[in-house]
Amino acid sequence: MKSYRDEKIQMTSVLLCCQIILLLNMGADSLALFVGLFSNHGPLYFVNTKTSFSKMGLTCHIAKIHSEASVEKNAKEIKDYIEEIYWGSKKRVLLLGHSKGGIDAAASLSMYWDELKEKVAGLAFAQSPYGGSPIASDILREGQLGDYVNIRKLMEILICKVIKGDMQALEDLTYEKRKDFLRKFHLPRELPIVSFHTEASISPAVLATLSRVAHAELPMFSNDQPTTLPVVIPLGAAMAACAQLLQTRYGEKSDGLVTCRDAEVPGSVVVRPKRKLDHAWMVYSSINDDPSEADASQVCEALLTLLVEVGQKKRHEIAQKDE
C-alpha cells in the first residue's frame, strides 16, 4: 500500500483547480457521499463538504440511506442509488464513504460490480472500519463490556426501538462478521481506492473542543429574522476517552472509534495525516478549528483528487497490459 502524509494533501488554489480538470477528464461529474452509523440523526453531517463541492460546480449527493440498516441491505440500496445518479447524468460517480458509509459502499461494489463497473470511477474510505470495529466487538461479545453494564441491551433499545434501525448494523462491524463478509466478497482489483485514517488527540486540550452538530432557531419576537444558534456538544472529549481506552486495552492507535490498522484497506493508497484528528472531525466542524489548517471539506477534496490520480494510473496500467 502506498502511503501519503500531510505534505500530499496541502491545500492550494492550484490543487483545487486541477481537481476540477481531472474530474472532467475522467468523465465523472457526480459525487456521492455515504454516511456512517447514527448519521441520519445529525442534521449537519457532511453538509459543509457538500456545500463546498457544489460551489466548485460539481454535483454532490448525500445518499439517503438508513445508516442503521445492515450492510447487505444498504449495499442493494446504494447500488440502486448509484444507478439512478448515473442514468440521470451518464457520467461515472466518485464515491466517498465515512465510517460505516465506506463499508456499505464497498459492500455494494463487491456484491454488484458487474452492474456498477461502468458507472463508478472510484471509492475513497474516510475513517472506515474495513477490518472491523473493536467497539462493536466489545459491546456484542460475551464476557466483555456488555456483561458488566448491559451495553448490548441499551444499544438494542437505542437502535431498534428509538431510531427504528437494525441491530445487524452494529453486528456487521464486529471482527467476526467482517471476516465472514470479506471471505465471500472482494473489492475488484481494477477499482481505484484511497483510504484515510487519523489518530485522535488524548491531551487535556480536547476537553475544550466543541463540535457543531445542529442549528436551533429561536422564535421571533418581532418582525426580524429568527435567530439561529449552533448546537454544540463535546465530541472531542468523548473521542479522546474512547481513544485512550483502545490504546490501553489493545495497544492500538485510533480516531476514537476506528483503529488506524482497521481503516487501511488492502490494495488502497493510504493517507496518514500527522495532525491529531478524531472520528467526528471529518463530518462535524469544530468551533476550535485552526483557520491556517485544512478543514474537513478540503481534506475530502484532496482525497478525491488523489482518487482520480489513482484511477488514471490504473487505467494506464491496464492499457499497457492490453497492448
C-alpha atoms as a PDB file:
ATOM      1  CA  MET A   1       0.000   0.000   0.000  1.00  0.00           C
ATOM      2  CA  LYS A   2       1.373   3.375  -0.957  1.00  0.00           C
ATOM      3  CA  SER A   3       1.288   5.949   1.833  1.00  0.00           C
ATOM      4  CA  TYR A   4       0.677   9.681   1.702  1.00  0.00           C
ATOM      5  CA  ARG A   5       1.122  12.069   4.612  1.00  0.00           C
ATOM      6  CA  ASP A   6       0.258  15.733   5.199  1.00  0.00           C
ATOM      7  CA  GLU A   7       2.545  17.073   2.501  1.00  0.00           C
ATOM      8  CA  LYS A   8       0.444  15.207  -0.067  1.00  0.00           C
ATOM      9  CA  ILE A   9      -2.777  16.914   0.978  1.00  0.00           C
ATOM     10  CA  GLN A  10      -1.689  20.532   1.333  1.00  0.00           C
ATOM     11  CA  MET A  11      -4.488  22.731   0.063  1.00  0.00           C
ATOM     12  CA  THR A  12      -3.712  25.303  -2.611  1.00  0.00           C
ATOM     13  CA  SER A  13      -5.796  27.008  -5.247  1.00  0.00           C
ATOM     14  CA  VAL A  14      -3.780  25.172  -7.904  1.00  0.00           C
ATOM     15  CA  LEU A  15      -4.760  21.818  -6.392  1.00  0.00           C
ATOM     16  CA  LEU A  16      -8.460  22.664  -6.389  1.00  0.00           C
ATOM     17  CA  CYS A  17      -8.373  23.892  -9.979  1.00  0.00           C
ATOM     18  CA  CYS A  18      -6.514  20.753 -11.034  1.00  0.00           C
ATOM     19  CA  GLN A  19      -9.122  18.636  -9.294  1.00  0.00           C
ATOM     20  CA  ILE A  20     -11.941  20.078 -11.383  1.00  0.00           C
ATOM     21  CA  ILE A  21      -9.956  19.494 -14.580  1.00  0.00           C
ATOM     22  CA  LEU A  22      -9.115  15.929 -13.560  1.00  0.00           C
ATOM     23  CA  LEU A  23     -12.712  15.139 -12.678  1.00  0.00           C
ATOM     24  CA  LEU A  24     -13.923  16.400 -16.027  1.00  0.00           C
ATOM     25  CA  ASN A  25     -11.213  14.487 -17.885  1.00  0.00           C
ATOM     26  CA  MET A  26     -12.139  11.330 -16.034  1.00  0.00           C
ATOM     27  CA  GLY A  27     -15.726  11.652 -17.169  1.00  0.00           C
ATOM     28  CA  ALA A  28     -17.166  11.956 -13.669  1.00  0.00           C
ATOM     29  CA  ASP A  29     -19.260  14.953 -12.696  1.00  0.00           C
ATOM     30  CA  SER A  30     -21.164  13.435  -9.777  1.00  0.00           C
ATOM     31  CA  LEU A  31     -20.001  12.785  -6.241  1.00  0.00           C
ATOM     32  CA  ALA A  32     -21.848  10.580  -3.768  1.00  0.00           C
ATOM     33  CA  LEU A  33     -21.194  10.790  -0.019  1.00  0.00           C
ATOM     34  CA  PHE A  34     -22.138   7.838   2.171  1.00  0.00           C
ATOM     35  CA  VAL A  35     -22.727   8.411   5.857  1.00  0.00           C
ATOM     36  CA  GLY A  36     -21.866   6.439   8.984  1.00  0.00           C
ATOM     37  CA  LEU A  37     -23.788   4.821  11.817  1.00  0.00           C
ATOM     38  CA  PHE A  38     -26.311   7.170  13.511  1.00  0.00           C
ATOM     39  CA  SER A  39     -25.525   9.908  10.986  1.00  0.00           C
ATOM     40  CA  ASN A  40     -29.129  10.259   9.819  1.00  0.00           C
ATOM     41  CA  HIS A  41     -29.786  11.954  13.142  1.00  0.00           C
ATOM     42  CA  GLY A  42     -27.110  14.622  12.703  1.00  0.00           C
ATOM     43  CA  PRO A  43     -28.527  17.467  10.550  1.00  0.00           C
ATOM     44  CA  LEU A  44     -25.078  18.914   9.724  1.00  0.00           C
ATOM     45  CA  TYR A  45     -23.391  15.608   8.844  1.00  0.00           C
ATOM     46  CA  PHE A  46     -21.302  16.211   5.656  1.00  0.00           C
ATOM     47  CA  VAL A  47     -23.252  19.420   4.948  1.00  0.00           C
ATOM     48  CA  ASN A  48     -20.162  21.663   4.773  1.00  0.00           C
ATOM     49  CA  THR A  49     -18.460  19.229   2.405  1.00  0.00           C
ATOM     50  CA  LYS A  50     -21.467  19.059   0.095  1.00  0.00           C
ATOM     51  CA  THR A  51     -21.699  22.860   0.048  1.00  0.00           C
ATOM     52  CA  SER A  52     -18.003  23.137  -0.804  1.00  0.00           C
ATOM     53  CA  PHE A  53     -18.280  20.734  -3.742  1.00  0.00           C
ATOM     54  CA  SER A  54     -21.423  22.449  -5.010  1.00  0.00           C
ATOM     55  CA  LYS A  55     -19.601  25.788  -5.068  1.00  0.00           C
ATOM     56  CA  MET A  56     -16.995  24.157  -7.296  1.00  0.00           C
ATOM     57  CA  GLY A  57     -19.728  23.321  -9.794  1.00  0.00           C
ATOM     58  CA  LEU A  58     -19.776  19.593  -9.011  1.00  0.00           C
ATOM     59  CA  THR A  59     -22.980  17.670  -8.468  1.00  0.00           C
ATOM     60  CA  CYS A  60     -22.787  16.227  -4.967  1.00  0.00           C
ATOM     61  CA  HIS A  61     -25.272  13.881  -3.303  1.00  0.00           C
ATOM     62  CA  ILE A  62     -25.511  12.797   0.322  1.00  0.00           C
ATOM     63  CA  ALA A  63     -27.006   9.334  -0.042  1.00  0.00           C
ATOM     64  CA  LYS A  64     -30.437   8.967   1.527  1.00  0.00           C
ATOM     65  CA  ILE A  65     -29.982   5.556   3.083  1.00  0.00           C
ATOM     66  CA  HIS A  66     -30.806   4.285   6.557  1.00  0.00           C
ATOM     67  CA  SER A  67     -27.401   4.303   8.223  1.00  0.00           C
ATOM     68  CA  GLU A  68     -28.653   1.945  10.951  1.00  0.00           C
ATOM     69  CA  ALA A  69     -29.619  -0.762   8.436  1.00  0.00           C
ATOM     70  CA  SER A  70     -27.488  -3.850   7.799  1.00  0.00           C
ATOM     71  CA  VAL A  71     -24.523  -3.681   5.418  1.00  0.00           C
ATOM     72  CA  GLU A  72     -26.082  -6.024   2.852  1.00  0.00           C
ATOM     73  CA  LYS A  73     -29.393  -4.138   2.859  1.00  0.00           C
ATOM     74  CA  ASN A  74     -27.609  -0.837   2.327  1.00  0.00           C
ATOM     75  CA  ALA A  75     -25.425  -2.408  -0.376  1.00  0.00           C
ATOM     76  CA  LYS A  76     -28.513  -3.037  -2.504  1.00  0.00           C
ATOM     77  CA  GLU A  77     -29.884   0.460  -1.838  1.00  0.00           C
ATOM     78  CA  ILE A  78     -26.534   2.026  -2.743  1.00  0.00           C
ATOM     79  CA  LYS A  79     -26.431   0.025  -5.993  1.00  0.00           C
ATOM     80  CA  ASP A  80     -29.842   1.421  -6.929  1.00  0.00           C
ATOM     81  CA  TYR A  81     -28.774   4.909  -5.829  1.00  0.00           C
ATOM     82  CA  ILE A  82     -25.621   4.856  -7.975  1.00  0.00           C
ATOM     83  CA  GLU A  83     -27.572   3.629 -10.995  1.00  0.00           C
ATOM     84  CA  GLU A  84     -30.122   6.395 -10.520  1.00  0.00           C
ATOM     85  CA  ILE A  85     -27.390   9.045 -10.432  1.00  0.00           C
ATOM     86  CA  TYR A  86     -25.625   7.525 -13.432  1.00  0.00           C
ATOM     87  CA  TRP A  87     -28.691   7.261 -15.622  1.00  0.00           C
ATOM     88  CA  GLY A  88     -29.527  10.879 -14.835  1.00  0.00           C
ATOM     89  CA  SER A  89     -26.126  12.230 -15.892  1.00  0.00           C
ATOM     90  CA  LYS A  90     -24.498   9.445 -17.979  1.00  0.00           C
ATOM     91  CA  LYS A  91     -21.317  10.182 -16.028  1.00  0.00           C
ATOM     92  CA  ARG A  92     -19.462   7.885 -13.680  1.00  0.00           C
ATOM     93  CA  VAL A  93     -19.738   8.560  -9.967  1.00  0.00           C
ATOM     94  CA  LEU A  94     -16.959   9.102  -7.425  1.00  0.00           C
ATOM     95  CA  LEU A  95     -17.832   7.642  -4.027  1.00  0.00           C
ATOM     96  CA  LEU A  96     -16.651   8.808  -0.609  1.00  0.00           C
ATOM     97  CA  GLY A  97     -17.807   6.950   2.482  1.00  0.00           C
ATOM     98  CA  HIS A  98     -17.267   7.987   6.075  1.00  0.00           C
ATOM     99  CA  SER A  99     -17.159   5.347   8.821  1.00  0.00           C
ATOM    100  CA  LYS A 100     -19.834   2.686   8.154  1.00  0.00           C
ATOM    101  CA  GLY A 101     -20.710   4.556   4.969  1.00  0.00           C
ATOM    102  CA  GLY A 102     -17.446   3.335   3.469  1.00  0.00           C
ATOM    103  CA  ILE A 103     -18.264  -0.244   4.477  1.00  0.00           C
ATOM    104  CA  ASP A 104     -21.738  -0.009   2.922  1.00  0.00           C
ATOM    105  CA  ALA A 105     -20.357   1.466  -0.312  1.00  0.00           C
ATOM    106  CA  ALA A 106     -17.599  -1.160  -0.519  1.00  0.00           C
ATOM    107  CA  ALA A 107     -20.153  -3.926   0.023  1.00  0.00           C
ATOM    108  CA  SER A 108     -22.236  -2.592  -2.849  1.00  0.00           C
ATOM    109  CA  LEU A 109     -19.266  -2.581  -5.214  1.00  0.00           C
ATOM    110  CA  SER A 110     -18.135  -6.029  -4.061  1.00  0.00           C
ATOM    111  CA  MET A 111     -21.560  -7.606  -4.471  1.00  0.00           C
ATOM    112  CA  TYR A 112     -22.768  -5.821  -7.617  1.00  0.00           C
ATOM    113  CA  TRP A 113     -19.598  -4.964  -9.519  1.00  0.00           C
ATOM    114  CA  ASP A 114     -20.803  -6.422 -12.811  1.00  0.00           C
ATOM    115  CA  GLU A 115     -23.692  -3.943 -12.820  1.00  0.00           C
ATOM    116  CA  LEU A 116     -21.681  -1.000 -11.468  1.00  0.00           C
ATOM    117  CA  LYS A 117     -18.225  -1.216 -13.049  1.00  0.00           C
ATOM    118  CA  GLU A 118     -19.121   1.168 -15.877  1.00  0.00           C
ATOM    119  CA  LYS A 119     -20.830   3.595 -13.508  1.00  0.00           C
ATOM    120  CA  VAL A 120     -18.279   4.083 -10.695  1.00  0.00           C
ATOM    121  CA  ALA A 121     -14.985   5.962 -11.019  1.00  0.00           C
ATOM    122  CA  GLY A 122     -13.511   5.116  -7.603  1.00  0.00           C
ATOM    123  CA  LEU A 123     -14.070   4.828  -3.853  1.00  0.00           C
ATOM    124  CA  ALA A 124     -12.473   6.797  -1.019  1.00  0.00           C
ATOM    125  CA  PHE A 125     -12.746   5.451   2.524  1.00  0.00           C
ATOM    126  CA  ALA A 126     -12.644   8.024   5.331  1.00  0.00           C
ATOM    127  CA  GLN A 127     -12.125   6.550   8.814  1.00  0.00           C
ATOM    128  CA  SER A 128     -13.973   3.353   7.865  1.00  0.00           C
ATOM    129  CA  PRO A 129     -13.577   0.177   9.989  1.00  0.00           C
ATOM    130  CA  TYR A 130     -12.841  -2.029   6.980  1.00  0.00           C
ATOM    131  CA  GLY A 131     -11.227  -4.699   9.150  1.00  0.00           C
ATOM    132  CA  GLY A 132     -13.843  -4.411  11.880  1.00  0.00           C
ATOM    133  CA  SER A 133     -14.513  -2.333  14.970  1.00  0.00           C
ATOM    134  CA  PRO A 134     -13.221  -3.164  18.472  1.00  0.00           C
ATOM    135  CA  ILE A 135     -16.009  -1.032  19.926  1.00  0.00           C
ATOM    136  CA  ALA A 136     -18.720  -3.065  18.174  1.00  0.00           C
ATOM    137  CA  SER A 137     -16.972  -6.333  19.023  1.00  0.00           C
ATOM    138  CA  ASP A 138     -16.637  -5.467  22.722  1.00  0.00           C
ATOM    139  CA  ILE A 139     -20.252  -4.355  23.029  1.00  0.00           C
ATOM    140  CA  LEU A 140     -21.607  -7.548  21.485  1.00  0.00           C
ATOM    141  CA  ARG A 141     -19.095 -10.184  22.586  1.00  0.00           C
ATOM    142  CA  GLU A 142     -19.962 -12.246  25.648  1.00  0.00           C
ATOM    143  CA  GLY A 143     -17.586 -11.810  28.566  1.00  0.00           C
ATOM    144  CA  GLN A 144     -16.694  -8.266  27.562  1.00  0.00           C
ATOM    145  CA  LEU A 145     -18.015  -4.804  28.419  1.00  0.00           C
ATOM    146  CA  GLY A 146     -21.638  -5.732  27.808  1.00  0.00           C
ATOM    147  CA  ASP A 147     -21.677  -8.194  30.690  1.00  0.00           C
ATOM    148  CA  TYR A 148     -20.887  -5.509  33.239  1.00  0.00           C
ATOM    149  CA  VAL A 149     -23.029  -2.576  32.222  1.00  0.00           C
ATOM    150  CA  ASN A 150     -25.504  -4.308  29.874  1.00  0.00           C
ATOM    151  CA  ILE A 151     -24.418  -2.155  26.932  1.00  0.00           C
ATOM    152  CA  ARG A 152     -25.865  -4.606  24.408  1.00  0.00           C
ATOM    153  CA  LYS A 153     -29.365  -4.181  25.831  1.00  0.00           C
ATOM    154  CA  LEU A 154     -29.007  -0.400  25.818  1.00  0.00           C
ATOM    155  CA  MET A 155     -27.844  -0.474  22.192  1.00  0.00           C
ATOM    156  CA  GLU A 156     -30.772  -2.704  21.217  1.00  0.00           C
ATOM    157  CA  ILE A 157     -33.188  -0.198  22.743  1.00  0.00           C
ATOM    158  CA  LEU A 158     -31.435   2.733  21.055  1.00  0.00           C
ATOM    159  CA  ILE A 159     -31.072   1.185  17.600  1.00  0.00           C
ATOM    160  CA  CYS A 160     -34.245  -0.915  17.375  1.00  0.00           C
ATOM    161  CA  LYS A 161     -36.781   0.991  19.464  1.00  0.00           C
ATOM    162  CA  VAL A 162     -35.703   4.631  19.423  1.00  0.00           C
ATOM    163  CA  ILE A 163     -34.326   5.135  15.902  1.00  0.00           C
ATOM    164  CA  LYS A 164     -36.076   2.154  14.251  1.00  0.00           C
ATOM    165  CA  GLY A 165     -32.874   0.609  12.973  1.00  0.00           C
ATOM    166  CA  ASP A 166     -31.486  -2.915  12.785  1.00  0.00           C
ATOM    167  CA  MET A 167     -29.114  -4.370  15.392  1.00  0.00           C
ATOM    168  CA  GLN A 168     -27.457  -6.138  12.472  1.00  0.00           C
ATOM    169  CA  ALA A 169     -25.929  -2.779  11.510  1.00  0.00           C
ATOM    170  CA  LEU A 170     -23.735  -2.903  14.619  1.00  0.00           C
ATOM    171  CA  GLU A 171     -23.113  -6.653  14.388  1.00  0.00           C
ATOM    172  CA  ASP A 172     -21.874  -6.230  10.801  1.00  0.00           C
ATOM    173  CA  LEU A 173     -18.980  -4.123  12.142  1.00  0.00           C
ATOM    174  CA  THR A 174     -17.632  -6.776  14.508  1.00  0.00           C
ATOM    175  CA  TYR A 175     -14.421  -8.562  13.572  1.00  0.00           C
ATOM    176  CA  GLU A 176     -16.186 -11.881  13.177  1.00  0.00           C
ATOM    177  CA  LYS A 177     -18.809 -10.544  10.773  1.00  0.00           C
ATOM    178  CA  ARG A 178     -16.257  -8.560   8.772  1.00  0.00           C
ATOM    179  CA  LYS A 179     -14.105 -11.654   8.311  1.00  0.00           C
ATOM    180  CA  ASP A 180     -17.125 -13.638   7.126  1.00  0.00           C
ATOM    181  CA  PHE A 181     -18.130 -10.938   4.655  1.00  0.00           C
ATOM    182  CA  LEU A 182     -14.617 -10.416   3.251  1.00  0.00           C
ATOM    183  CA  ARG A 183     -14.223 -14.145   2.673  1.00  0.00           C
ATOM    184  CA  LYS A 184     -17.291 -14.075   0.426  1.00  0.00           C
ATOM    185  CA  PHE A 185     -16.893 -10.727  -1.307  1.00  0.00           C
ATOM    186  CA  HIS A 186     -13.783  -8.918  -2.524  1.00  0.00           C
ATOM    187  CA  LEU A 187     -13.292  -5.421  -3.860  1.00  0.00           C
ATOM    188  CA  PRO A 188     -12.476  -5.562  -7.578  1.00  0.00           C
ATOM    189  CA  ARG A 189      -8.790  -5.162  -8.394  1.00  0.00           C
ATOM    190  CA  GLU A 190      -9.452  -2.574 -11.092  1.00  0.00           C
ATOM    191  CA  LEU A 191     -11.337  -0.262  -8.710  1.00  0.00           C
ATOM    192  CA  PRO A 192      -9.350   2.865  -7.686  1.00  0.00           C
ATOM    193  CA  ILE A 193      -9.314   3.010  -3.878  1.00  0.00           C
ATOM    194  CA  VAL A 194      -7.999   5.504  -1.328  1.00  0.00           C
ATOM    195  CA  SER A 195      -8.224   5.017   2.429  1.00  0.00           C
ATOM    196  CA  PHE A 196      -7.783   7.752   5.010  1.00  0.00           C
ATOM    197  CA  HIS A 197      -7.419   7.350   8.761  1.00  0.00           C
ATOM    198  CA  THR A 198      -6.489   9.559  11.687  1.00  0.00           C
ATOM    199  CA  GLU A 199      -5.380   9.401  15.287  1.00  0.00           C
ATOM    200  CA  ALA A 200      -7.343  11.272  17.961  1.00  0.00           C
ATOM    201  CA  SER A 201      -5.588  13.507  20.442  1.00  0.00           C
ATOM    202  CA  ILE A 202      -5.818  12.386  24.066  1.00  0.00           C
ATOM    203  CA  SER A 203      -4.355  15.571  25.513  1.00  0.00           C
ATOM    204  CA  PRO A 204      -6.329  17.630  28.090  1.00  0.00           C
ATOM    205  CA  ALA A 205      -6.814  20.358  25.469  1.00  0.00           C
ATOM    206  CA  VAL A 206      -9.501  18.307  23.687  1.00  0.00           C
ATOM    207  CA  LEU A 207     -11.797  18.681  26.686  1.00  0.00           C
ATOM    208  CA  ALA A 208     -12.487  22.209  25.450  1.00  0.00           C
ATOM    209  CA  THR A 209     -13.282  21.105  21.889  1.00  0.00           C
ATOM    210  CA  LEU A 210     -16.916  21.561  20.899  1.00  0.00           C
ATOM    211  CA  SER A 211     -18.428  20.283  17.652  1.00  0.00           C
ATOM    212  CA  ARG A 212     -21.381  21.795  15.794  1.00  0.00           C
ATOM    213  CA  VAL A 213     -23.933  19.053  15.215  1.00  0.00           C
ATOM    214  CA  ALA A 214     -27.093  21.075  14.502  1.00  0.00           C
ATOM    215  CA  HIS A 215     -28.698  24.514  14.463  1.00  0.00           C
ATOM    216  CA  ALA A 216     -31.519  25.729  16.664  1.00  0.00           C
ATOM    217  CA  GLU A 217     -33.874  28.525  15.643  1.00  0.00           C
ATOM    218  CA  LEU A 218     -35.158  30.794  18.377  1.00  0.00           C
ATOM    219  CA  PRO A 219     -38.734  32.065  17.970  1.00  0.00           C
ATOM    220  CA  MET A 220     -39.233  35.531  16.535  1.00  0.00           C
ATOM    221  CA  PHE A 221     -40.345  38.230  18.934  1.00  0.00           C
ATOM    222  CA  SER A 222     -40.555  40.920  16.274  1.00  0.00           C
ATOM    223  CA  ASN A 223     -40.545  41.216  12.502  1.00  0.00           C
ATOM    224  CA  ASP A 224     -36.855  40.413  12.389  1.00  0.00           C
ATOM    225  CA  GLN A 225     -35.465  37.123  11.091  1.00  0.00           C
ATOM    226  CA  PRO A 226     -35.355  34.270  13.615  1.00  0.00           C
ATOM    227  CA  THR A 227     -32.078  33.880  15.485  1.00  0.00           C
ATOM    228  CA  THR A 228     -30.119  30.728  14.686  1.00  0.00           C
ATOM    229  CA  LEU A 229     -27.813  29.300  17.309  1.00  0.00           C
ATOM    230  CA  PRO A 230     -25.352  26.424  16.851  1.00  0.00           C
ATOM    231  CA  VAL A 231     -25.948  23.260  18.865  1.00  0.00           C
ATOM    232  CA  VAL A 232     -22.579  22.073  20.136  1.00  0.00           C
ATOM    233  CA  ILE A 233     -21.501  19.016  22.102  1.00  0.00           C
ATOM    234  CA  PRO A 234     -18.052  17.905  23.384  1.00  0.00           C
ATOM    235  CA  LEU A 235     -17.476  15.157  20.822  1.00  0.00           C
ATOM    236  CA  GLY A 236     -13.719  15.665  21.070  1.00  0.00           C
ATOM    237  CA  ALA A 237     -13.695  14.724  24.742  1.00  0.00           C
ATOM    238  CA  ALA A 238     -15.758  11.588  24.071  1.00  0.00           C
ATOM    239  CA  MET A 239     -13.473  10.550  21.202  1.00  0.00           C
ATOM    240  CA  ALA A 240     -10.384  11.149  23.368  1.00  0.00           C
ATOM    241  CA  ALA A 241     -11.796   8.935  26.120  1.00  0.00           C
ATOM    242  CA  CYS A 242     -12.512   6.120  23.645  1.00  0.00           C
ATOM    243  CA  ALA A 243      -9.089   6.506  22.038  1.00  0.00           C
ATOM    244  CA  GLN A 244      -7.444   6.220  25.444  1.00  0.00           C
ATOM    245  CA  LEU A 245      -9.482   3.078  26.177  1.00  0.00           C
ATOM    246  CA  LEU A 246      -8.473   1.426  22.895  1.00  0.00           C
ATOM    247  CA  GLN A 247      -4.838   2.381  23.441  1.00  0.00           C
ATOM    248  CA  THR A 248      -4.848   0.910  26.945  1.00  0.00           C
ATOM    249  CA  ARG A 249      -6.912  -2.187  26.152  1.00  0.00           C
ATOM    250  CA  TYR A 250      -5.448  -3.192  22.785  1.00  0.00           C
ATOM    251  CA  GLY A 251      -2.342  -1.062  22.328  1.00  0.00           C
ATOM    252  CA  GLU A 252      -3.842   0.361  19.128  1.00  0.00           C
ATOM    253  CA  LYS A 253      -3.948   3.959  17.975  1.00  0.00           C
ATOM    254  CA  SER A 254      -7.355   5.135  16.792  1.00  0.00           C
ATOM    255  CA  ASP A 255      -9.554   8.113  15.979  1.00  0.00           C
ATOM    256  CA  GLY A 256     -11.693   7.233  18.993  1.00  0.00           C
ATOM    257  CA  LEU A 257     -13.886   4.665  17.222  1.00  0.00           C
ATOM    258  CA  VAL A 258     -11.802   3.099  14.451  1.00  0.00           C
ATOM    259  CA  THR A 259      -8.231   1.862  14.858  1.00  0.00           C
ATOM    260  CA  CYS A 260      -5.673   3.013  12.309  1.00  0.00           C
ATOM    261  CA  ARG A 261      -4.869  -0.606  11.460  1.00  0.00           C
ATOM    262  CA  ASP A 262      -8.508  -1.489  10.709  1.00  0.00           C
ATOM    263  CA  ALA A 263      -9.004   1.583   8.496  1.00  0.00           C
ATOM    264  CA  GLU A 264      -6.280   0.659   5.993  1.00  0.00           C
ATOM    265  CA  VAL A 265      -7.911  -1.124   3.071  1.00  0.00           C
ATOM    266  CA  PRO A 266      -5.687  -3.748   1.398  1.00  0.00           C
ATOM    267  CA  GLY A 267      -4.602  -2.631  -2.054  1.00  0.00           C
ATOM    268  CA  SER A 268      -5.514   1.019  -1.454  1.00  0.00           C
ATOM    269  CA  VAL A 269      -3.422   4.152  -1.426  1.00  0.00           C
ATOM    270  CA  VAL A 270      -3.347   5.105   2.263  1.00  0.00           C
ATOM    271  CA  VAL A 271      -3.300   8.674   3.584  1.00  0.00           C
ATOM    272  CA  ARG A 272      -1.970   9.020   7.152  1.00  0.00           C
ATOM    273  CA  PRO A 273      -2.048  12.675   8.283  1.00  0.00           C
ATOM    274  CA  LYS A 274       0.242  13.824  11.080  1.00  0.00           C
ATOM    275  CA  ARG A 275      -2.446  16.026  12.619  1.00  0.00           C
ATOM    276  CA  LYS A 276      -4.402  14.648  15.560  1.00  0.00           C
ATOM    277  CA  LEU A 277      -7.984  14.352  14.313  1.00  0.00           C
ATOM    278  CA  ASP A 278     -10.847  12.374  15.797  1.00  0.00           C
ATOM    279  CA  HIS A 279     -13.645  10.402  14.151  1.00  0.00           C
ATOM    280  CA  ALA A 280     -16.184  13.231  14.326  1.00  0.00           C
ATOM    281  CA  TRP A 281     -13.903  15.897  12.847  1.00  0.00           C
ATOM    282  CA  MET A 282     -14.396  14.619   9.302  1.00  0.00           C
ATOM    283  CA  VAL A 283     -18.116  15.395   9.251  1.00  0.00           C
ATOM    284  CA  TYR A 284     -18.788  17.946  12.009  1.00  0.00           C
ATOM    285  CA  SER A 285     -16.975  21.269  12.168  1.00  0.00           C
ATOM    286  CA  SER A 286     -15.393  22.352  15.429  1.00  0.00           C
ATOM    287  CA  ILE A 287     -15.622  25.833  16.889  1.00  0.00           C
ATOM    288  CA  ASN A 288     -11.936  25.455  17.759  1.00  0.00           C
ATOM    289  CA  ASP A 289     -10.700  24.735  14.222  1.00  0.00           C
ATOM    290  CA  ASP A 290      -7.405  26.380  13.265  1.00  0.00           C
ATOM    291  CA  PRO A 291      -8.084  28.517  10.148  1.00  0.00           C
ATOM    292  CA  SER A 292      -4.485  28.002   8.994  1.00  0.00           C
ATOM    293  CA  GLU A 293      -5.083  24.243   8.690  1.00  0.00           C
ATOM    294  CA  ALA A 294      -7.124  22.417   6.061  1.00  0.00           C
ATOM    295  CA  ASP A 295     -10.726  21.816   7.088  1.00  0.00           C
ATOM    296  CA  ALA A 296     -12.673  18.584   6.523  1.00  0.00           C
ATOM    297  CA  SER A 297     -14.106  19.768   3.188  1.00  0.00           C
ATOM    298  CA  GLN A 298     -10.644  20.484   1.846  1.00  0.00           C
ATOM    299  CA  VAL A 299      -9.376  17.116   3.016  1.00  0.00           C
ATOM    300  CA  CYS A 300     -12.263  15.443   1.159  1.00  0.00           C
ATOM    301  CA  GLU A 301     -11.342  17.436  -1.942  1.00  0.00           C
ATOM    302  CA  ALA A 302      -7.743  16.266  -1.673  1.00  0.00           C
ATOM    303  CA  LEU A 303      -8.766  12.645  -1.157  1.00  0.00           C
ATOM    304  CA  LEU A 304     -10.926  12.712  -4.278  1.00  0.00           C
ATOM    305  CA  THR A 305      -8.134  14.411  -6.228  1.00  0.00           C
ATOM    306  CA  LEU A 306      -5.822  11.608  -5.178  1.00  0.00           C
ATOM    307  CA  LEU A 307      -8.513   9.075  -6.082  1.00  0.00           C
ATOM    308  CA  VAL A 308      -8.716  10.500  -9.594  1.00  0.00           C
ATOM    309  CA  GLU A 309      -4.927  10.249  -9.940  1.00  0.00           C
ATOM    310  CA  VAL A 310      -5.017   6.633  -8.764  1.00  0.00           C
ATOM    311  CA  GLY A 311      -7.758   5.913 -11.305  1.00  0.00           C
ATOM    312  CA  GLN A 312      -5.756   7.422 -14.143  1.00  0.00           C
ATOM    313  CA  LYS A 313      -2.728   5.364 -13.184  1.00  0.00           C
ATOM    314  CA  LYS A 314      -4.782   2.156 -13.045  1.00  0.00           C
ATOM    315  CA  ARG A 315      -6.286   2.808 -16.465  1.00  0.00           C
ATOM    316  CA  HIS A 316      -2.818   3.456 -17.878  1.00  0.00           C
ATOM    317  CA  GLU A 317      -1.518   0.191 -16.414  1.00  0.00           C
ATOM    318  CA  ILE A 318      -4.482  -1.739 -17.819  1.00  0.00           C
ATOM    319  CA  ALA A 319      -3.977  -0.156 -21.242  1.00  0.00           C
ATOM    320  CA  GLN A 320      -0.299  -1.155 -21.238  1.00  0.00           C
ATOM    321  CA  LYS A 321      -1.199  -4.762 -20.409  1.00  0.00           C
ATOM    322  CA  ASP A 322      -3.706  -4.859 -23.252  1.00  0.00           C
ATOM    323  CA  GLU A 323      -1.115  -3.682 -25.808  1.00  0.00           C
END
